[in-house]
C-alpha atoms as a PDB file:
ATOM      1  CA  MET A   1       0.242   0.259  -0.007  1.00  0.00           C
ATOM      2  CA  THR A   2       1.551   3.101  -1.174  1.00  0.00           C
ATOM      3  CA  GLN A   3       0.010   6.445  -0.541  1.00  0.00           C
ATOM      4  CA  THR A   4       1.351   9.157  -2.600  1.00  0.00           C
ATOM      5  CA  THR A   5      -0.011  12.613  -4.238  1.00  0.00           C
ATOM      6  CA  SER A   6       1.497  14.024  -7.448  1.00  0.00           C
ATOM      7  CA  SER A   7       3.274  16.792  -5.546  1.00  0.00           C
ATOM      8  CA  THR A   8       7.219  16.004  -5.159  1.00  0.00           C
ATOM      9  CA  VAL A   9       8.914  16.151  -1.710  1.00  0.00           C
ATOM     10  CA  SER A  10      12.092  18.283  -1.623  1.00  0.00           C
ATOM     11  CA  ARG A  11      15.579  16.775  -0.641  1.00  0.00           C
ATOM     12  CA  GLU A  12      15.777  19.507   1.869  1.00  0.00           C
ATOM     13  CA  ARG A  13      12.316  18.532   3.051  1.00  0.00           C
ATOM     14  CA  ALA A  14      13.009  15.012   3.164  1.00  0.00           C
ATOM     15  CA  ARG A  15      16.359  15.260   4.738  1.00  0.00           C
ATOM     16  CA  GLU A  16      14.907  17.577   7.436  1.00  0.00           C
ATOM     17  CA  ALA A  17      12.192  15.324   8.493  1.00  0.00           C
ATOM     18  CA  MET A  18      14.856  12.254   8.900  1.00  0.00           C
ATOM     19  CA  VAL A  19      16.723  14.369  11.231  1.00  0.00           C
ATOM     20  CA  ARG A  20      13.668  15.371  13.301  1.00  0.00           C
ATOM     21  CA  PHE A  21      12.488  12.137  13.389  1.00  0.00           C
ATOM     22  CA  LEU A  22      15.762  10.848  14.886  1.00  0.00           C
ATOM     23  CA  ALA A  23      15.127  13.291  17.235  1.00  0.00           C
ATOM     24  CA  ALA A  24      12.448  11.026  18.671  1.00  0.00           C
ATOM     25  CA  TRP A  25      14.788   7.729  18.955  1.00  0.00           C
ATOM     26  CA  GLU A  26      17.905   9.708  20.137  1.00  0.00           C
ATOM     27  CA  GLN A  27      16.470  12.275  22.672  1.00  0.00           C
ATOM     28  CA  GLY A  28      12.750  10.787  23.253  1.00  0.00           C
ATOM     29  CA  ASP A  29      11.134  13.866  21.788  1.00  0.00           C
ATOM     30  CA  VAL A  30       8.048  12.114  20.422  1.00  0.00           C
ATOM     31  CA  SER A  31       6.159  15.424  19.408  1.00  0.00           C
ATOM     32  CA  ALA A  32       8.381  14.589  16.094  1.00  0.00           C
ATOM     33  CA  VAL A  33       6.041  11.812  14.810  1.00  0.00           C
ATOM     34  CA  ASP A  34       3.152  14.429  14.531  1.00  0.00           C
ATOM     35  CA  GLU A  35       5.677  16.790  12.384  1.00  0.00           C
ATOM     36  CA  VAL A  36       6.795  14.640  10.405  1.00  0.00           C
ATOM     37  CA  PHE A  37       3.858  12.032   9.674  1.00  0.00           C
ATOM     38  CA  ALA A  38       0.399  12.592   8.302  1.00  0.00           C
ATOM     39  CA  ASP A  39      -2.711  11.697  10.302  1.00  0.00           C
ATOM     40  CA  ASP A  40      -3.166   8.640   8.495  1.00  0.00           C
ATOM     41  CA  LEU A  41       0.166   6.954   8.454  1.00  0.00           C
ATOM     42  CA  VAL A  42       1.110   3.507   8.078  1.00  0.00           C
ATOM     43  CA  TYR A  43       4.263   2.564   9.556  1.00  0.00           C
ATOM     44  CA  HIS A  44       5.530  -0.998   8.945  1.00  0.00           C
ATOM     45  CA  GLY A  45       8.675  -1.920  11.008  1.00  0.00           C
ATOM     46  CA  PRO A  46       8.699  -5.949  10.533  1.00  0.00           C
ATOM     47  CA  PRO A  47       8.745  -8.068  12.780  1.00  0.00           C
ATOM     48  CA  PHE A  48       6.188  -5.557  14.559  1.00  0.00           C
ATOM     49  CA  PRO A  49       2.919  -4.953  13.917  1.00  0.00           C
ATOM     50  CA  ASP A  50       1.827  -2.139  11.596  1.00  0.00           C
ATOM     51  CA  MET A  51       1.804   1.293  13.253  1.00  0.00           C
ATOM     52  CA  GLY A  52      -0.229   4.754  13.131  1.00  0.00           C
ATOM     53  CA  ARG A  53       1.195   7.680  14.921  1.00  0.00           C
ATOM     54  CA  ALA A  54       0.016   6.994  18.440  1.00  0.00           C
ATOM     55  CA  GLU A  55       1.532   3.493  18.444  1.00  0.00           C
ATOM     56  CA  LEU A  56       4.687   4.802  17.056  1.00  0.00           C
ATOM     57  CA  ARG A  57       4.850   7.114  19.431  1.00  0.00           C
ATOM     58  CA  ASP A  58       4.439   4.209  21.648  1.00  0.00           C
ATOM     59  CA  PHE A  59       6.683   2.143  20.173  1.00  0.00           C
ATOM     60  CA  ILE A  60       9.760   4.594  20.415  1.00  0.00           C
ATOM     61  CA  THR A  61       8.721   5.375  24.014  1.00  0.00           C
ATOM     62  CA  GLY A  62       9.192   1.447  24.912  1.00  0.00           C
ATOM     63  CA  PHE A  63      12.473   1.284  23.160  1.00  0.00           C
ATOM     64  CA  ARG A  64      14.018   4.284  25.216  1.00  0.00           C
ATOM     65  CA  THR A  65      12.923   2.537  28.201  1.00  0.00           C
ATOM     66  CA  GLY A  66      14.754  -0.730  27.178  1.00  0.00           C
ATOM     67  CA  PHE A  67      18.227   0.853  25.228  1.00  0.00           C
ATOM     68  CA  SER A  68      20.092   4.110  26.225  1.00  0.00           C
ATOM     69  CA  GLU A  69      22.910   5.842  24.466  1.00  0.00           C
ATOM     70  CA  ILE A  70      20.961   5.518  21.344  1.00  0.00           C
ATOM     71  CA  HIS A  71      22.844   7.280  18.367  1.00  0.00           C
ATOM     72  CA  VAL A  72      21.538   7.057  14.635  1.00  0.00           C
ATOM     73  CA  GLN A  73      24.093   8.120  11.632  1.00  0.00           C
ATOM     74  CA  VAL A  74      22.176   8.513   8.288  1.00  0.00           C
ATOM     75  CA  HIS A  75      24.506   7.765   5.494  1.00  0.00           C
ATOM     76  CA  GLU A  76      22.653   8.808   2.384  1.00  0.00           C
ATOM     77  CA  HIS A  77      19.279  10.819   1.795  1.00  0.00           C
ATOM     78  CA  LEU A  78      17.883   9.889  -1.718  1.00  0.00           C
ATOM     79  CA  VAL A  79      14.673  11.189  -3.129  1.00  0.00           C
ATOM     80  CA  ASP A  80      12.846  10.111  -6.012  1.00  0.00           C
ATOM     81  CA  GLY A  81       9.308  12.293  -6.432  1.00  0.00           C
ATOM     82  CA  THR A  82       6.945  11.218  -3.742  1.00  0.00           C
ATOM     83  CA  THR A  83       9.655   8.626  -2.311  1.00  0.00           C
ATOM     84  CA  SER A  84      12.898   9.413   0.030  1.00  0.00           C
ATOM     85  CA  VAL A  85      14.959   6.445   1.313  1.00  0.00           C
ATOM     86  CA  HIS A  86      17.475   6.679   4.417  1.00  0.00           C
ATOM     87  CA  ARG A  87      20.016   4.785   4.477  1.00  0.00           C
ATOM     88  CA  TRP A  88      21.382   4.394   8.703  1.00  0.00           C
ATOM     89  CA  THR A  89      23.195   3.067  11.303  1.00  0.00           C
ATOM     90  CA  ALA A  90      21.978   2.720  14.837  1.00  0.00           C
ATOM     91  CA  GLU A  91      23.652   2.269  18.160  1.00  0.00           C
ATOM     92  CA  ALA A  92      22.210   1.598  21.672  1.00  0.00           C
ATOM     93  CA  VAL A  93      22.996  -0.439  25.050  1.00  0.00           C
ATOM     94  CA  LEU A  94      20.490  -2.944  26.602  1.00  0.00           C
ATOM     95  CA  SER A  95      20.204  -0.790  29.890  1.00  0.00           C
ATOM     96  CA  GLY A  96      16.641  -1.428  31.383  1.00  0.00           C
ATOM     97  CA  THR A  97      13.765  -3.608  30.578  1.00  0.00           C
ATOM     98  CA  THR A  98      11.168  -3.133  27.918  1.00  0.00           C
ATOM     99  CA  PRO A  99       7.862  -3.709  27.366  1.00  0.00           C
ATOM    100  CA  LEU A 100       8.810  -4.708  23.537  1.00  0.00           C
ATOM    101  CA  LEU A 101      10.797  -7.747  24.724  1.00  0.00           C
ATOM    102  CA  PRO A 102       9.038  -8.768  27.964  1.00  0.00           C
ATOM    103  CA  GLY A 103      11.014 -10.972  30.125  1.00  0.00           C
ATOM    104  CA  VAL A 104      14.349  -9.790  28.813  1.00  0.00           C
ATOM    105  CA  GLU A 105      16.666  -8.616  31.743  1.00  0.00           C
ATOM    106  CA  PRO A 106      19.287  -5.737  30.570  1.00  0.00           C
ATOM    107  CA  THR A 107      22.439  -7.103  29.654  1.00  0.00           C
ATOM    108  CA  GLY A 108      24.456  -3.992  29.410  1.00  0.00           C
ATOM    109  CA  ASN A 109      25.873  -5.094  25.779  1.00  0.00           C
ATOM    110  CA  ARG A 110      26.210  -2.146  23.116  1.00  0.00           C
ATOM    111  CA  THR A 111      24.720  -3.210  19.714  1.00  0.00           C
ATOM    112  CA  SER A 112      24.509  -1.737  16.456  1.00  0.00           C
ATOM    113  CA  ALA A 113      22.057  -2.386  13.001  1.00  0.00           C
ATOM    114  CA  GLU A 114      22.016  -1.269   9.591  1.00  0.00           C
ATOM    115  CA  GLY A 115      18.758  -0.482   8.102  1.00  0.00           C
ATOM    116  CA  ALA A 116      16.880   2.171   6.096  1.00  0.00           C
ATOM    117  CA  HIS A 117      13.612   4.017   6.038  1.00  0.00           C
ATOM    118  CA  VAL A 118      11.816   4.467   2.821  1.00  0.00           C
ATOM    119  CA  LEU A 119       9.252   7.119   3.055  1.00  0.00           C
ATOM    120  CA  HIS A 120       6.630   7.397   1.159  1.00  0.00           C
ATOM    121  CA  TRP A 121       5.255  11.477   0.963  1.00  0.00           C
ATOM    122  CA  SER A 122       1.774  12.962   0.638  1.00  0.00           C
ATOM    123  CA  GLY A 123       2.754  16.556   0.231  1.00  0.00           C
ATOM    124  CA  ASP A 124       5.001  17.606   3.201  1.00  0.00           C
ATOM    125  CA  ARG A 125       4.264  14.463   5.625  1.00  0.00           C
ATOM    126  CA  VAL A 126       4.819  10.960   5.066  1.00  0.00           C
ATOM    127  CA  SER A 127       1.832   8.963   4.678  1.00  0.00           C
ATOM    128  CA  GLU A 128       3.500   5.468   4.840  1.00  0.00           C
ATOM    129  CA  ALA A 129       6.922   4.469   6.301  1.00  0.00           C
ATOM    130  CA  TRP A 130       9.262   0.856   5.639  1.00  0.00           C
ATOM    131  CA  HIS A 131      11.315   0.973   8.609  1.00  0.00           C
ATOM    132  CA  VAL A 132      13.672  -1.979   7.470  1.00  0.00           C
ATOM    133  CA  GLY A 133      16.633  -2.731   9.735  1.00  0.00           C
ATOM    134  CA  ASP A 134      18.459  -5.507  11.591  1.00  0.00           C
ATOM    135  CA  TRP A 135      16.917  -6.831  14.297  1.00  0.00           C
ATOM    136  CA  LEU A 136      18.323 -10.055  14.238  1.00  0.00           C
ATOM    137  CA  GLY A 137      21.888  -8.946  14.522  1.00  0.00           C
ATOM    138  CA  PHE A 138      20.706  -5.944  16.771  1.00  0.00           C
ATOM    139  CA  LEU A 139      18.833  -8.174  19.099  1.00  0.00           C
ATOM    140  CA  THR A 140      21.523 -10.755  18.958  1.00  0.00           C
ATOM    141  CA  ARG A 141      24.576  -8.317  19.749  1.00  0.00           C
ATOM    142  CA  ALA A 142      22.561  -6.885  22.815  1.00  0.00           C
ATOM    143  CA  GLY A 143      22.594 -10.639  24.155  1.00  0.00           C
ATOM    144  CA  VAL A 144      18.749 -10.872  24.040  1.00  0.00           C
ATOM    145  CA  LEU A 145      19.299 -13.756  20.872  1.00  0.00           C
ATOM    146  CA  PRO A 146      21.998 -16.425  21.155  1.00  0.00           C
ATOM    147  CA  PRO A 147      24.471 -15.954  18.214  1.00  0.00           C
ATOM    148  CA  MET A 148      24.021 -18.236  15.041  1.00  0.00           C
ATOM    149  CA  PRO A 149      25.727 -21.082  14.566  1.00  0.00           C
ATOM    150  CA  GLY A 150      29.374 -20.059  12.902  1.00  0.00           C
ATOM    151  CA  SER A 151      28.335 -16.408  13.154  1.00  0.00           C
ATOM    152  CA  ALA A 152      31.140 -13.900  14.398  1.00  0.00           C
ATOM    153  CA  THR A 153      28.717 -11.475  16.056  1.00  0.00           C
END
């Protein structure tokens, strides 16, 4: 389900929106969700269920209760019409408990993952987002999951 309009998004707006959205993850300022995303947002973050804005705010808040020292470095911002893609590396420490990982105790492990956001724009707001990241590697390095046989984590 890709929701777009005929207008294009500028590279500057896409970059500014992604930087603003990262403040929600890094600093907990979830007001960025309402500034960047449309009222009818569909946020896909497999393996998690699809989310609207309220669920996304709760997801970020829940993530931050378990992970600290969160930093996201964006490596590329690409824009084509009403779609933008932002490739990133995220780092964090599993320092607390989170409702996203019930029964998981803090390990103190630093972890990282690479991924990308594919954003579909309607005007100056994102109507659909795909958050595609290495959750398996992220959780393995955090000490939540056992390493895969033969892997060097």
